[in-house]
């Protein structure tokens, strides 16, 4: 059936409802905003007037377009005003009772052909549809906040939804300038389904005192390119709202990753619900404020854990991309660097890779020719670890294999002078197991760089129960000198970034396994709805499916959580040799170079 959807009612004029009404009115639809609160209705009108005035001031619309949009929006305090609407979108509070009452009343008011859409992101669309007199016309239409700016709209079908209704709202979403993605009915749908599990894990990590709130947020912003850290995002969303979504997800999945972290309940019960309350994980300048202000948990500026050891020269062990990238970083910062590989030829090739990298920086105007030459002159290529005899800091960047790293550290123990700091760049192995391959485990620490090392600002500083305080202070000071942002974390699998990133990636794979949504729709949902620079399947293919599987196995083995078990599809692709971009095929196929 051809449904033009020219007259649309929006029930609930809170922030989301008002934003949806604005989008619809600006797109030429007649919009009826319905709310039992006169204050909410007046607020919606004022908000629409203010936002359209700003749009005129910025040249996005004309004054005539603004006047027409305002004329198309009217408010009412009763559902009877929706009688002539071809589509009704409800965005009332996340409660089955409230939403079902709205749908029951609408059944007696609207036309049999009217589409009823719920804006829920946490409740079952099927359950809401089943209690309607016309369940085939009920679906989910999930906008993201702020609705005028966010491009993603999730179109949620239940087993009862008629295809023409889905087609009609999908067409509408495109006409609104949005990107609709088709998803099935489960709590959180795609974007929130993946996002809230990740946010929950971050809250649990903080609750366990594994890392500070500042370090968790900085790690995910700098390590993954996210616009906000997870704890700051929870404050923005509302901690009570997040807990509601997670409760709904857990009720359906029974996955412990979705069981709300106790701290979310504690903060909610205390009224510390985030920005709207002026305090959540962080403290803000006022209720509804955006500016974080210092509180009792804020680290003192410039506070470091004591004095460190002097570092003038650095040894980097390895010949791969990571080793050469780390050597480049140290040399650029003025350190004398010894780059050691298993053979002189491999070391020379690694130094040649650095030379090409520096040349590209010169070509792009980021580095002068003089600085290039000075940097390269600070690097000595060596075919043996014996060249590390006088370095102050030795950093290994060899294969991610415990036995190989232990053998290397046993060699470093014999070669390096007393007092030298020994650092491993492992991303998933226990640092203490590497440290105990030496007779000086107090000198060993994790220093996890991210690839490409010259560009990525994050370093996870991983101290074991045996690491000396001055070793930790030394590495923190070195990070400052090489212009990296250090975050402190303990010695457990995944540290901060991988421990939060890979369960999210694994859950995305499970969505595809269950035929819940397509690769393209999941990638689009996370980029458009979550602000991720890459979708999960794009990222998996870049990282390498074999690398991803290895990290998933380590996380599963360490935490013993069934929800962390690697998705079978990931294991099957790796077994088939489909490892991502490096083999030309992973979740997608790539042109061979």
Protein backbone atom coordinates (compact mmCIF):
# COMPACT_ATOMS: atom_id res chain seq x y z
CA UNK A 1 0.00 0.00 0.00
CA UNK A 2 1.27 3.45 -0.92
CA UNK A 3 1.41 5.50 2.29
CA UNK A 4 2.56 9.10 1.74
CA UNK A 5 3.11 9.87 5.43
CA UNK A 6 2.51 13.59 5.01
CA UNK A 7 0.82 14.10 8.39
CA UNK A 8 2.72 12.72 11.36
CA UNK A 9 2.01 12.83 15.08
CA UNK A 10 4.82 12.75 17.64
CA UNK A 11 3.71 11.64 21.10
CA UNK A 12 6.01 12.88 23.85
CA UNK A 13 7.74 16.24 23.55
CA UNK A 14 10.87 15.69 25.53
CA UNK A 15 14.29 16.25 23.96
CA UNK A 16 13.97 13.37 21.51
CA UNK A 17 10.35 14.02 20.56
CA UNK A 18 11.04 17.70 19.98
CA UNK A 19 14.07 16.87 17.84
CA UNK A 20 12.09 14.41 15.70
CA UNK A 21 9.31 16.98 15.27
CA UNK A 22 11.88 19.52 14.08
CA UNK A 23 13.30 17.13 11.50
CA UNK A 24 9.83 16.30 10.18
CA UNK A 25 8.62 19.92 10.00
CA UNK A 26 11.75 21.06 8.18
CA UNK A 27 11.22 18.23 5.69
CA UNK A 28 7.77 19.48 4.76
CA UNK A 29 5.58 17.24 6.92
CA UNK A 30 2.57 18.41 8.90
CA UNK A 31 3.52 17.63 12.49
CA UNK A 32 1.25 17.28 15.52
CA UNK A 33 3.24 17.30 18.76
CA UNK A 34 1.29 15.69 21.59
CA UNK A 35 2.13 15.89 25.28
CA UNK A 36 -0.06 15.97 28.39
CA UNK A 37 2.29 18.58 29.85
CA UNK A 38 1.58 22.14 28.76
CA UNK A 39 5.12 23.08 29.81
CA UNK A 40 6.57 20.38 27.53
CA UNK A 41 4.47 21.61 24.61
CA UNK A 42 5.52 25.22 25.15
CA UNK A 43 9.12 24.09 25.51
CA UNK A 44 8.93 22.22 22.21
CA UNK A 45 7.62 25.30 20.40
CA UNK A 46 10.34 27.47 21.95
CA UNK A 47 12.99 24.93 21.08
CA UNK A 48 11.85 24.71 17.47
CA UNK A 49 11.77 28.51 17.18
CA UNK A 50 15.28 28.81 18.61
CA UNK A 51 16.85 26.01 16.59
CA UNK A 52 15.37 27.21 13.29
CA UNK A 53 16.51 30.75 14.06
CA UNK A 54 20.05 29.41 14.52
CA UNK A 55 19.73 27.55 11.22
CA UNK A 56 18.78 30.79 9.47
CA UNK A 57 21.69 32.59 11.10
CA UNK A 58 24.09 29.92 9.83
CA UNK A 59 22.67 30.05 6.32
CA UNK A 60 21.27 26.50 6.39
CA UNK A 61 17.68 27.56 5.71
CA UNK A 62 15.97 30.77 4.62
CA UNK A 63 13.64 32.85 6.74
CA UNK A 64 10.77 31.75 4.48
CA UNK A 65 11.65 28.07 5.05
CA UNK A 66 11.77 28.70 8.78
CA UNK A 67 8.35 30.33 8.81
CA UNK A 68 6.87 27.46 6.78
CA UNK A 69 8.35 24.83 9.11
CA UNK A 70 6.99 26.62 12.20
CA UNK A 71 3.56 26.86 10.56
CA UNK A 72 3.56 23.10 9.97
CA UNK A 73 4.06 22.33 13.68
CA UNK A 74 1.21 22.46 16.17
CA UNK A 75 0.78 20.99 19.64
CA UNK A 76 -2.01 19.26 21.50
CA UNK A 77 -2.55 17.71 24.92
CA UNK A 78 -4.64 14.71 23.87
CA UNK A 79 -4.09 11.70 21.60
CA UNK A 80 -7.35 12.57 19.81
CA UNK A 81 -5.27 15.11 17.83
CA UNK A 82 -3.60 12.18 16.05
CA UNK A 83 -6.85 11.07 14.38
CA UNK A 84 -5.79 12.13 10.88
CA UNK A 85 -2.11 11.17 11.16
CA UNK A 86 -0.73 8.61 8.72
CA UNK A 87 2.16 7.85 11.06
CA UNK A 88 2.37 8.19 14.84
CA UNK A 89 5.79 8.10 16.52
CA UNK A 90 5.72 7.64 20.29
CA UNK A 91 8.69 8.70 22.38
CA UNK A 92 7.16 8.53 25.85
CA UNK A 93 9.12 7.15 28.86
CA UNK A 94 10.67 3.65 28.55
CA UNK A 95 7.87 1.74 30.24
CA UNK A 96 5.77 -1.07 28.78
CA UNK A 97 2.75 0.14 30.74
CA UNK A 98 2.97 3.72 29.46
CA UNK A 99 3.70 2.75 25.86
CA UNK A 100 0.98 0.05 25.78
CA UNK A 101 -1.55 2.54 27.14
CA UNK A 102 -0.63 4.97 24.36
CA UNK A 103 -1.01 2.27 21.71
CA UNK A 104 -4.35 1.06 23.13
CA UNK A 105 -5.76 4.58 23.01
CA UNK A 106 -4.40 5.16 19.51
CA UNK A 107 -6.08 1.96 18.27
CA UNK A 108 -9.44 3.57 18.97
CA UNK A 109 -8.50 6.89 17.37
CA UNK A 110 -6.39 6.49 14.22
CA UNK A 111 -7.19 5.02 10.82
CA UNK A 112 -6.67 1.26 10.28
CA UNK A 113 -3.91 2.14 7.80
CA UNK A 114 -2.00 4.41 10.19
CA UNK A 115 1.47 3.17 11.06
CA UNK A 116 2.29 3.14 14.76
CA UNK A 117 6.00 3.51 15.51
CA UNK A 118 7.72 3.20 18.86
CA UNK A 119 10.91 5.12 19.53
CA UNK A 120 12.06 2.65 22.17
CA UNK A 121 15.67 1.53 22.29
CA UNK A 122 15.22 -0.93 25.13
CA UNK A 123 11.80 -2.58 25.00
CA UNK A 124 10.42 -5.34 22.79
CA UNK A 125 8.67 -4.03 19.69
CA UNK A 126 7.00 -7.44 19.32
CA UNK A 127 5.51 -7.24 22.81
CA UNK A 128 4.19 -3.75 22.12
CA UNK A 129 2.79 -4.85 18.75
CA UNK A 130 1.10 -7.97 20.12
CA UNK A 131 -1.21 -5.89 22.30
CA UNK A 132 -2.26 -3.64 19.43
CA UNK A 133 -5.42 -4.30 17.43
CA UNK A 134 -3.33 -4.06 14.24
CA UNK A 135 0.12 -5.48 15.05
CA UNK A 136 1.09 -5.58 11.38
CA UNK A 137 1.20 -1.77 11.40
CA UNK A 138 3.48 -1.52 14.48
CA UNK A 139 7.24 -1.17 14.15
CA UNK A 140 10.23 0.53 15.74
CA UNK A 141 11.63 3.80 14.46
CA UNK A 142 14.68 4.56 16.57
CA UNK A 143 16.22 8.01 16.06
CA UNK A 144 19.45 9.01 17.79
CA UNK A 145 20.00 12.06 19.95
CA UNK A 146 20.19 14.86 18.86
CA UNK A 147 17.74 13.84 16.15
CA UNK A 148 18.39 16.86 13.87
CA UNK A 149 22.12 16.08 13.70
CA UNK A 150 22.36 12.28 13.88
CA UNK A 151 21.99 10.52 10.54
CA UNK A 152 21.13 7.02 11.73
CA UNK A 153 17.59 5.70 12.04
CA UNK A 154 17.05 2.06 12.96
CA UNK A 155 13.90 0.59 11.38
CA UNK A 156 12.85 -2.30 13.60
CA UNK A 157 10.56 -5.05 12.36
CA UNK A 158 8.85 -7.63 14.53
CA UNK A 159 7.64 -10.99 13.23
CA UNK A 160 4.22 -9.36 12.96
CA UNK A 161 5.20 -6.26 10.95
CA UNK A 162 3.87 -5.96 7.39
CA UNK A 163 6.55 -5.22 4.74
CA UNK A 164 4.65 -2.20 3.30
CA UNK A 165 4.83 -0.46 6.67
CA UNK A 166 8.59 -1.03 6.78
CA UNK A 167 8.97 0.25 3.22
CA UNK A 168 6.95 3.37 3.98
CA UNK A 169 8.99 4.45 7.02
CA UNK A 170 12.27 3.50 5.31
CA UNK A 171 11.37 5.78 2.41
CA UNK A 172 10.42 8.50 4.88
CA UNK A 173 13.75 8.21 6.68
CA UNK A 174 15.63 8.67 3.41
CA UNK A 175 13.48 11.68 2.51
CA UNK A 176 14.40 13.17 5.90
CA UNK A 177 18.07 12.92 4.93
CA UNK A 178 18.68 10.02 7.29
CA UNK A 179 20.40 6.66 6.80
CA UNK A 180 17.91 3.90 7.67
CA UNK A 181 19.20 0.46 8.65
CA UNK A 182 16.92 -2.55 8.91
CA UNK A 183 17.19 -4.53 12.15
CA UNK A 184 15.32 -7.23 14.00
CA UNK A 185 13.63 -6.90 17.35
CA UNK A 186 15.92 -7.31 20.31
CA UNK A 187 16.80 -4.86 23.10
CA UNK A 188 19.28 -2.24 21.99
CA UNK A 189 18.80 -3.17 18.33
CA UNK A 190 22.21 -2.75 16.59
CA UNK A 191 23.87 0.47 17.72
CA UNK A 192 22.75 0.47 21.34
CA UNK A 193 22.97 -3.32 21.50
CA UNK A 194 26.70 -3.10 20.80
CA UNK A 195 27.31 0.24 22.49
CA UNK A 196 25.73 -0.49 25.87
CA UNK A 197 27.58 -3.76 26.38
CA UNK A 198 30.82 -1.85 25.87
CA UNK A 199 29.72 0.94 28.22
CA UNK A 200 28.76 -1.62 30.85
CA UNK A 201 32.17 -3.28 30.67
CA UNK A 202 33.85 0.11 31.07
CA UNK A 203 31.75 0.84 34.17
CA UNK A 204 32.68 -2.56 35.62
CA UNK A 205 36.36 -1.91 34.86
CA UNK A 206 36.20 1.37 36.75
CA UNK A 207 34.24 -0.19 39.62
CA UNK A 208 36.99 -2.81 40.00
CA UNK A 209 39.55 0.00 40.48
CA UNK A 210 41.47 -1.38 37.53
CA UNK A 211 42.03 2.07 36.04
CA UNK A 212 40.95 5.64 36.74
CA UNK A 213 37.95 7.16 34.98
CA UNK A 214 40.29 9.59 33.19
CA UNK A 215 42.56 6.81 31.96
CA UNK A 216 39.69 4.61 30.77
CA UNK A 217 38.19 7.48 28.80
CA UNK A 218 41.53 8.66 27.40
CA UNK A 219 42.45 5.11 26.37
CA UNK A 220 39.30 4.63 24.30
CA UNK A 221 39.47 8.06 22.70
CA UNK A 222 43.14 7.87 21.80
CA UNK A 223 43.35 4.12 21.19
CA UNK A 224 40.17 3.77 19.11
CA UNK A 225 39.53 7.28 17.80
CA UNK A 226 36.19 7.58 19.60
CA UNK A 227 34.67 11.03 20.11
CA UNK A 228 34.02 10.40 23.82
CA UNK A 229 35.25 8.04 26.48
CA UNK A 230 32.73 5.47 27.78
CA UNK A 231 32.27 6.94 31.26
CA UNK A 232 31.79 10.47 29.94
CA UNK A 233 29.30 9.03 27.45
CA UNK A 234 27.38 7.27 30.21
CA UNK A 235 27.12 10.62 31.99
CA UNK A 236 25.78 12.20 28.78
CA UNK A 237 23.23 9.43 28.09
CA UNK A 238 22.12 9.28 31.72
CA UNK A 239 23.27 6.51 34.02
CA UNK A 240 19.68 5.60 34.91
CA UNK A 241 18.79 5.36 31.21
CA UNK A 242 21.80 3.17 30.53
CA UNK A 243 20.86 0.87 33.38
CA UNK A 244 17.31 0.53 32.03
CA UNK A 245 18.60 -0.44 28.59
CA UNK A 246 21.03 -2.96 30.06
CA UNK A 247 18.33 -4.51 32.26
CA UNK A 248 16.19 -5.07 29.15
CA UNK A 249 19.13 -6.53 27.23
CA UNK A 250 20.05 -8.87 30.07
CA UNK A 251 16.45 -10.04 30.50
CA UNK A 252 16.55 -11.28 26.91
CA UNK A 253 20.17 -12.39 26.46
CA UNK A 254 21.11 -13.59 29.96
CA UNK A 255 24.62 -12.64 28.88
CA UNK A 256 26.69 -11.50 31.87
CA UNK A 257 28.20 -8.78 29.68
CA UNK A 258 24.75 -7.14 29.74
CA UNK A 259 24.11 -7.55 33.47
CA UNK A 260 24.29 -3.93 34.68
CA UNK A 261 27.46 -3.20 36.64
CA UNK A 262 26.44 -2.62 40.29
CA UNK A 263 27.91 0.89 40.22
CA UNK A 264 25.24 1.92 37.68
CA UNK A 265 22.52 0.99 40.16
CA UNK A 266 24.33 2.65 43.04
CA UNK A 267 24.80 5.93 41.18
CA UNK A 268 21.20 5.87 39.93
CA UNK A 269 19.83 5.22 43.43
CA UNK A 270 21.88 8.11 44.76
CA UNK A 271 20.49 10.44 42.08
CA UNK A 272 23.94 10.77 40.48
CA UNK A 273 22.65 10.14 36.99
CA UNK A 274 25.21 12.10 34.97
CA UNK A 275 25.21 15.50 33.37
CA UNK A 276 21.50 16.09 33.92
CA UNK A 277 22.06 15.77 37.68
CA UNK A 278 25.37 17.64 37.69
CA UNK A 279 27.21 14.54 38.85
CA UNK A 280 27.74 10.97 37.70
CA UNK A 281 31.11 9.40 37.04
CA UNK A 282 32.36 13.00 36.79
CA UNK A 283 31.23 16.22 38.46
CA UNK A 284 29.86 19.06 36.31
CA UNK A 285 29.56 22.81 36.76
CA UNK A 286 25.77 22.58 37.17
CA UNK A 287 22.86 20.18 36.58
CA UNK A 288 22.64 19.91 32.80
CA UNK A 289 26.10 21.41 32.46
CA UNK A 290 28.78 20.20 30.06
CA UNK A 291 31.95 21.35 31.77
CA UNK A 292 33.70 18.87 34.07
CA UNK A 293 34.95 20.41 37.31
CA UNK A 294 37.55 18.96 39.68
CA UNK A 295 36.36 16.74 42.50
CA UNK A 296 37.92 14.45 45.10
CA UNK A 297 38.82 11.89 42.41
CA UNK A 298 40.49 14.30 40.00
CA UNK A 299 44.25 13.62 39.71
CA UNK A 300 46.42 16.46 40.93
CA UNK A 301 48.02 18.34 38.04
CA UNK A 302 51.56 17.16 37.39
CA UNK A 303 51.42 14.55 40.13
CA UNK A 304 53.78 11.68 39.34
CA UNK A 305 54.77 8.66 41.35
CA UNK A 306 58.18 9.75 42.56
CA UNK A 307 61.46 10.19 40.74
CA UNK A 308 62.45 7.93 37.90
CA UNK A 309 65.70 6.73 36.39
CA UNK A 310 67.69 8.69 33.84
CA UNK A 311 67.13 7.59 30.23
CA UNK A 312 69.37 8.84 27.44
CA UNK A 313 69.55 5.81 25.16
CA UNK A 314 66.94 3.28 24.09
CA UNK A 315 67.16 -0.17 22.58
CA UNK A 316 64.30 -1.48 20.42
CA UNK A 317 64.23 -5.22 19.71
CA UNK A 318 62.43 -6.36 16.57
CA UNK A 319 62.32 -5.70 12.85
CA UNK A 320 58.62 -5.40 12.05
CA UNK A 321 56.34 -2.41 11.56
CA UNK A 322 55.81 -1.86 15.27
CA UNK A 323 59.52 -2.05 16.14
CA UNK A 324 60.53 0.40 13.42
CA UNK A 325 57.66 2.73 14.37
CA UNK A 326 58.71 2.76 18.03
CA UNK A 327 62.35 3.36 17.09
CA UNK A 328 61.25 6.30 14.93
CA UNK A 329 59.26 7.78 17.82
CA UNK A 330 62.21 7.64 20.22
CA UNK A 331 64.69 8.98 17.67
CA UNK A 332 62.43 11.92 16.80
CA UNK A 333 62.29 12.78 20.51
CA UNK A 334 66.08 13.03 20.66
CA UNK A 335 67.01 9.65 22.12
CA UNK A 336 69.92 7.62 20.82
CA UNK A 337 68.33 4.41 19.54
CA UNK A 338 69.77 0.95 18.93
CA UNK A 339 67.45 -1.04 16.65
CA UNK A 340 68.36 -4.71 16.99
CA UNK A 341 67.05 -7.62 14.94
CA UNK A 342 68.02 -11.28 14.57
CA UNK A 343 70.34 -10.41 11.66
CA UNK A 344 72.09 -7.30 10.46
CA UNK A 345 70.16 -7.52 7.21
CA UNK A 346 66.80 -7.43 9.02
CA UNK A 347 67.96 -4.51 11.16
CA UNK A 348 69.09 -2.58 8.09
CA UNK A 349 65.75 -3.23 6.39
CA UNK A 350 63.92 -1.95 9.48
CA UNK A 351 66.02 1.21 9.49
CA UNK A 352 65.27 1.59 5.78
CA UNK A 353 61.57 1.48 6.61
CA UNK A 354 62.09 4.33 9.06
CA UNK A 355 63.95 6.32 6.40
CA UNK A 356 60.98 5.97 4.03
CA UNK A 357 58.57 7.02 6.78
CA UNK A 358 60.63 10.12 7.55
CA UNK A 359 60.82 10.94 3.84
CA UNK A 360 57.03 10.84 3.61
CA UNK A 361 56.84 13.26 6.55
CA UNK A 362 59.21 15.62 4.73
CA UNK A 363 57.14 15.39 1.54
CA UNK A 364 54.00 16.30 3.51
CA UNK A 365 55.69 19.26 5.18
CA UNK A 366 55.54 17.73 8.66
CA UNK A 367 59.29 17.41 9.06
CA UNK A 368 62.28 19.35 7.75
CA UNK A 369 65.03 17.63 5.77
CA UNK A 370 67.47 18.58 8.53
CA UNK A 371 65.29 16.98 11.22
CA UNK A 372 64.96 13.88 9.05
CA UNK A 373 68.73 13.52 8.77
CA UNK A 374 69.25 14.14 12.49
CA UNK A 375 66.60 11.58 13.42
CA UNK A 376 68.03 8.90 11.15
CA UNK A 377 71.55 9.57 12.47
CA UNK A 378 70.39 8.78 16.01
CA UNK A 379 69.43 5.22 14.99
CA UNK A 380 72.00 2.44 14.95
CA UNK A 381 70.99 -0.84 13.30
CA UNK A 382 72.41 -3.94 14.94
CA UNK A 383 72.18 -7.65 14.24
CA UNK A 384 72.46 -8.73 17.85
CA UNK A 385 71.06 -7.86 21.28
CA UNK A 386 74.65 -7.45 22.46
CA UNK A 387 74.34 -3.86 21.19
CA UNK A 388 71.97 -3.18 24.14
CA UNK A 389 74.79 -3.38 26.69
CA UNK A 390 74.67 0.32 27.61
CA UNK A 391 71.04 1.32 26.88
CA UNK A 392 68.95 2.79 29.68
CA UNK A 393 65.64 1.46 28.36
CA UNK A 394 65.11 -1.70 26.29
CA UNK A 395 61.76 -2.09 24.50
CA UNK A 396 60.84 -5.34 22.79
CA UNK A 397 58.44 -5.48 19.84
CA UNK A 398 58.74 -9.07 18.65
CA UNK A 399 56.11 -11.74 17.93
CA UNK A 400 53.11 -11.97 20.29
CA UNK A 401 54.20 -15.33 21.64
CA UNK A 402 54.94 -15.87 25.33
CA UNK A 403 57.78 -18.31 24.83
CA UNK A 404 59.52 -16.06 22.29
CA UNK A 405 59.21 -13.04 24.58
CA UNK A 406 60.44 -14.96 27.60
CA UNK A 407 63.52 -16.12 25.69
CA UNK A 408 64.17 -12.54 24.58
CA UNK A 409 63.89 -11.17 28.11
CA UNK A 410 66.20 -13.86 29.43
CA UNK A 411 68.72 -12.59 26.88
CA UNK A 412 68.11 -8.94 27.80
CA UNK A 413 68.68 -9.84 31.45
CA UNK A 414 72.18 -11.01 30.59
CA UNK A 415 73.04 -8.20 28.15
CA UNK A 416 71.55 -5.03 29.65
CA UNK A 417 73.36 -3.18 32.41
CA UNK A 418 72.03 -3.20 35.99
CA UNK A 419 69.34 -0.56 36.44
CA UNK A 420 68.19 -0.59 32.81
CA UNK A 421 64.41 -0.62 32.41
CA UNK A 422 63.04 -3.53 30.37
CA UNK A 423 59.70 -2.97 28.62
CA UNK A 424 57.43 -5.28 26.65
CA UNK A 425 54.95 -4.04 24.06
CA UNK A 426 52.66 -7.04 24.47
CA UNK A 427 48.96 -6.35 23.94
CA UNK A 428 47.58 -9.54 25.44
CA UNK A 429 50.19 -11.61 27.30
CA UNK A 430 50.82 -11.46 31.08
CA UNK A 431 53.66 -9.03 31.69
CA UNK A 432 54.60 -10.74 34.95
CA UNK A 433 55.19 -14.03 33.13
CA UNK A 434 57.62 -12.20 30.85
CA UNK A 435 59.23 -10.41 33.81
CA UNK A 436 59.90 -13.65 35.64
CA UNK A 437 62.08 -14.86 32.78
CA UNK A 438 64.63 -12.39 34.20
CA UNK A 439 66.44 -12.18 37.54
CA UNK A 440 65.18 -8.61 37.95
CA UNK A 441 61.37 -8.61 37.50
CA UNK A 442 61.20 -5.29 39.39
CA UNK A 443 62.80 -3.64 36.34
CA UNK A 444 60.18 -4.98 33.90
CA UNK A 445 57.04 -3.11 32.82
CA UNK A 446 54.54 -3.13 29.97
CA UNK A 447 54.67 -0.28 27.47
CA UNK A 448 51.92 -1.00 24.96
CA UNK A 449 52.16 1.25 21.91
CA UNK A 450 49.42 1.32 19.28
CA UNK A 451 49.92 0.91 15.54
CA UNK A 452 51.11 3.01 13.74
CA UNK A 453 53.33 4.08 16.63
CA UNK A 454 54.41 7.45 15.13
CA UNK A 455 50.77 8.54 14.74
CA UNK A 456 48.96 6.99 17.71
CA UNK A 457 49.21 9.04 20.91
CA UNK A 458 48.33 6.35 23.44
CA UNK A 459 50.67 4.16 25.49
CA UNK A 460 49.22 1.75 28.04
CA UNK A 461 51.68 1.57 30.96
CA UNK A 462 51.28 -1.84 32.57
CA UNK A 463 52.86 -2.44 35.95
CA UNK A 464 52.93 -5.85 37.55
CA UNK A 465 52.83 -6.63 41.26
CA UNK A 466 56.64 -6.77 41.08
CA UNK A 467 57.35 -3.56 39.12
CA UNK A 468 59.37 -0.98 41.07
CA UNK A 469 57.89 2.48 41.63
CA UNK A 470 60.84 4.23 40.02
CA UNK A 471 60.49 2.05 36.91
CA UNK A 472 56.86 3.13 36.61
CA UNK A 473 57.85 6.78 37.11
CA UNK A 474 60.60 6.40 34.49
CA UNK A 475 58.24 5.15 31.81
CA UNK A 476 55.67 7.87 32.59
CA UNK A 477 58.39 10.51 32.16
CA UNK A 478 59.61 8.92 28.93
CA UNK A 479 56.05 8.93 27.54
CA UNK A 480 55.86 12.67 28.19
CA UNK A 481 59.15 13.25 26.37
CA UNK A 482 58.08 11.27 23.30
CA UNK A 483 54.74 13.14 23.34
CA UNK A 484 52.56 10.15 24.09
CA UNK A 485 49.65 10.01 26.53
CA UNK A 486 50.27 7.32 29.16
CA UNK A 487 47.41 5.53 30.89
CA UNK A 488 48.05 3.29 33.88
CA UNK A 489 46.56 -0.16 34.12
CA UNK A 490 47.20 -3.44 35.85
CA UNK A 491 48.59 -6.65 34.40
CA UNK A 492 45.55 -8.48 33.11
CA UNK A 493 44.49 -9.61 29.64
CA UNK A 494 43.58 -6.89 27.18
CA UNK A 495 44.62 -4.05 29.50
CA UNK A 496 42.12 -1.23 28.87
CA UNK A 497 41.62 -0.88 25.12
CA UNK A 498 41.56 -4.48 23.93
CA UNK A 499 39.56 -5.62 26.97
CA UNK A 500 36.78 -3.19 25.98
CA UNK A 501 37.17 -3.26 22.19
CA UNK A 502 37.24 -6.96 21.38
CA UNK A 503 34.09 -8.08 23.24
CA UNK A 504 32.29 -5.36 21.24
CA UNK A 505 33.75 -6.71 17.99
CA UNK A 506 32.86 -10.26 18.99
CA UNK A 507 29.25 -9.26 19.70
CA UNK A 508 29.01 -7.66 16.26
CA UNK A 509 30.08 -10.96 14.68
CA UNK A 510 27.43 -12.79 16.70
CA UNK A 511 24.77 -10.43 15.31
CA UNK A 512 25.74 -11.49 11.78
CA UNK A 513 25.81 -15.17 12.77
CA UNK A 514 22.26 -14.84 14.03
CA UNK A 515 21.15 -13.14 10.77
CA UNK A 516 20.03 -10.22 12.88
CA UNK A 517 21.53 -7.53 10.66
CA UNK A 518 23.92 -7.30 7.70
CA UNK A 519 27.61 -6.40 7.79
CA UNK A 520 26.91 -3.14 6.00
CA UNK A 521 24.05 -2.14 8.29
CA UNK A 522 26.04 -2.92 11.44
CA UNK A 523 29.03 -0.92 10.19
CA UNK A 524 26.78 1.98 9.20
CA UNK A 525 24.96 1.87 12.55
CA UNK A 526 28.16 2.15 14.58
CA UNK A 527 29.65 4.91 12.44
CA UNK A 528 26.48 6.98 12.21
CA UNK A 529 24.95 6.17 15.59
CA UNK A 530 28.03 5.71 17.75
CA UNK A 531 30.53 8.07 16.13
CA UNK A 532 33.01 5.25 15.52
CA UNK A 533 35.63 6.06 12.87
CA UNK A 534 35.26 2.54 11.44
CA UNK A 535 32.52 -0.05 11.62
CA UNK A 536 33.35 -3.27 13.49
CA UNK A 537 33.81 -5.37 10.35
CA UNK A 538 35.96 -2.75 8.67
CA UNK A 539 38.12 -2.71 11.79
CA UNK A 540 38.31 -6.50 12.10
CA UNK A 541 39.54 -6.79 8.51
CA UNK A 542 42.17 -4.11 9.13
CA UNK A 543 43.41 -5.61 12.42
CA UNK A 544 43.45 -9.12 10.99
CA UNK A 545 41.01 -11.86 11.88
CA UNK A 546 43.78 -14.11 13.17
CA UNK A 547 45.04 -11.38 15.51
CA UNK A 548 41.48 -10.69 16.64
CA UNK A 549 40.82 -14.36 17.33
CA UNK A 550 44.02 -14.68 19.35
CA UNK A 551 43.03 -11.72 21.55
CA UNK A 552 39.48 -13.07 21.97
CA UNK A 553 40.90 -16.40 23.13
CA UNK A 554 43.17 -14.70 25.66
CA UNK A 555 40.27 -12.66 27.06
CA UNK A 556 38.05 -15.72 27.30
CA UNK A 557 40.77 -17.73 29.01
CA UNK A 558 41.51 -14.98 31.53
CA UNK A 559 37.99 -13.94 32.50
CA UNK A 560 36.22 -17.32 32.01
CA UNK A 561 33.07 -15.52 30.86
CA UNK A 562 30.97 -17.53 28.34
CA UNK A 563 29.98 -14.26 26.67
CA UNK A 564 33.63 -13.72 25.70
CA UNK A 565 33.94 -17.02 23.81
CA UNK A 566 35.06 -16.23 20.25
CA UNK A 567 32.21 -16.24 17.74
CA UNK A 568 32.32 -19.47 15.67
CA UNK A 569 32.14 -17.44 12.44
CA UNK A 570 35.43 -15.75 13.36
CA UNK A 571 37.06 -19.13 13.98
CA UNK A 572 35.75 -20.52 10.69
CA UNK A 573 37.07 -17.58 8.65
CA UNK A 574 40.50 -17.85 10.26
CA UNK A 575 40.57 -21.62 9.61
CA UNK A 576 39.76 -20.88 5.97
CA UNK A 577 42.68 -18.44 5.69
CA UNK A 578 40.38 -15.43 5.33
CA UNK A 579 42.30 -13.07 7.59
CA UNK A 580 41.19 -9.66 6.33
CA UNK A 581 42.84 -7.10 4.13
CA UNK A 582 46.25 -8.77 4.31
CA UNK A 583 44.92 -11.88 2.53
CA UNK A 584 42.44 -10.10 0.27
CA UNK A 585 39.44 -11.59 2.03
CA UNK A 586 37.99 -11.44 5.53
CA UNK A 587 34.43 -10.39 6.25
CA UNK A 588 34.64 -8.64 2.89
CA UNK A 589 36.70 -9.19 -0.26
CA UNK A 590 39.42 -6.76 -1.29
CA UNK A 591 41.24 -6.12 -4.54
CA UNK A 592 44.65 -7.77 -4.59
CA UNK A 593 47.57 -5.36 -4.83
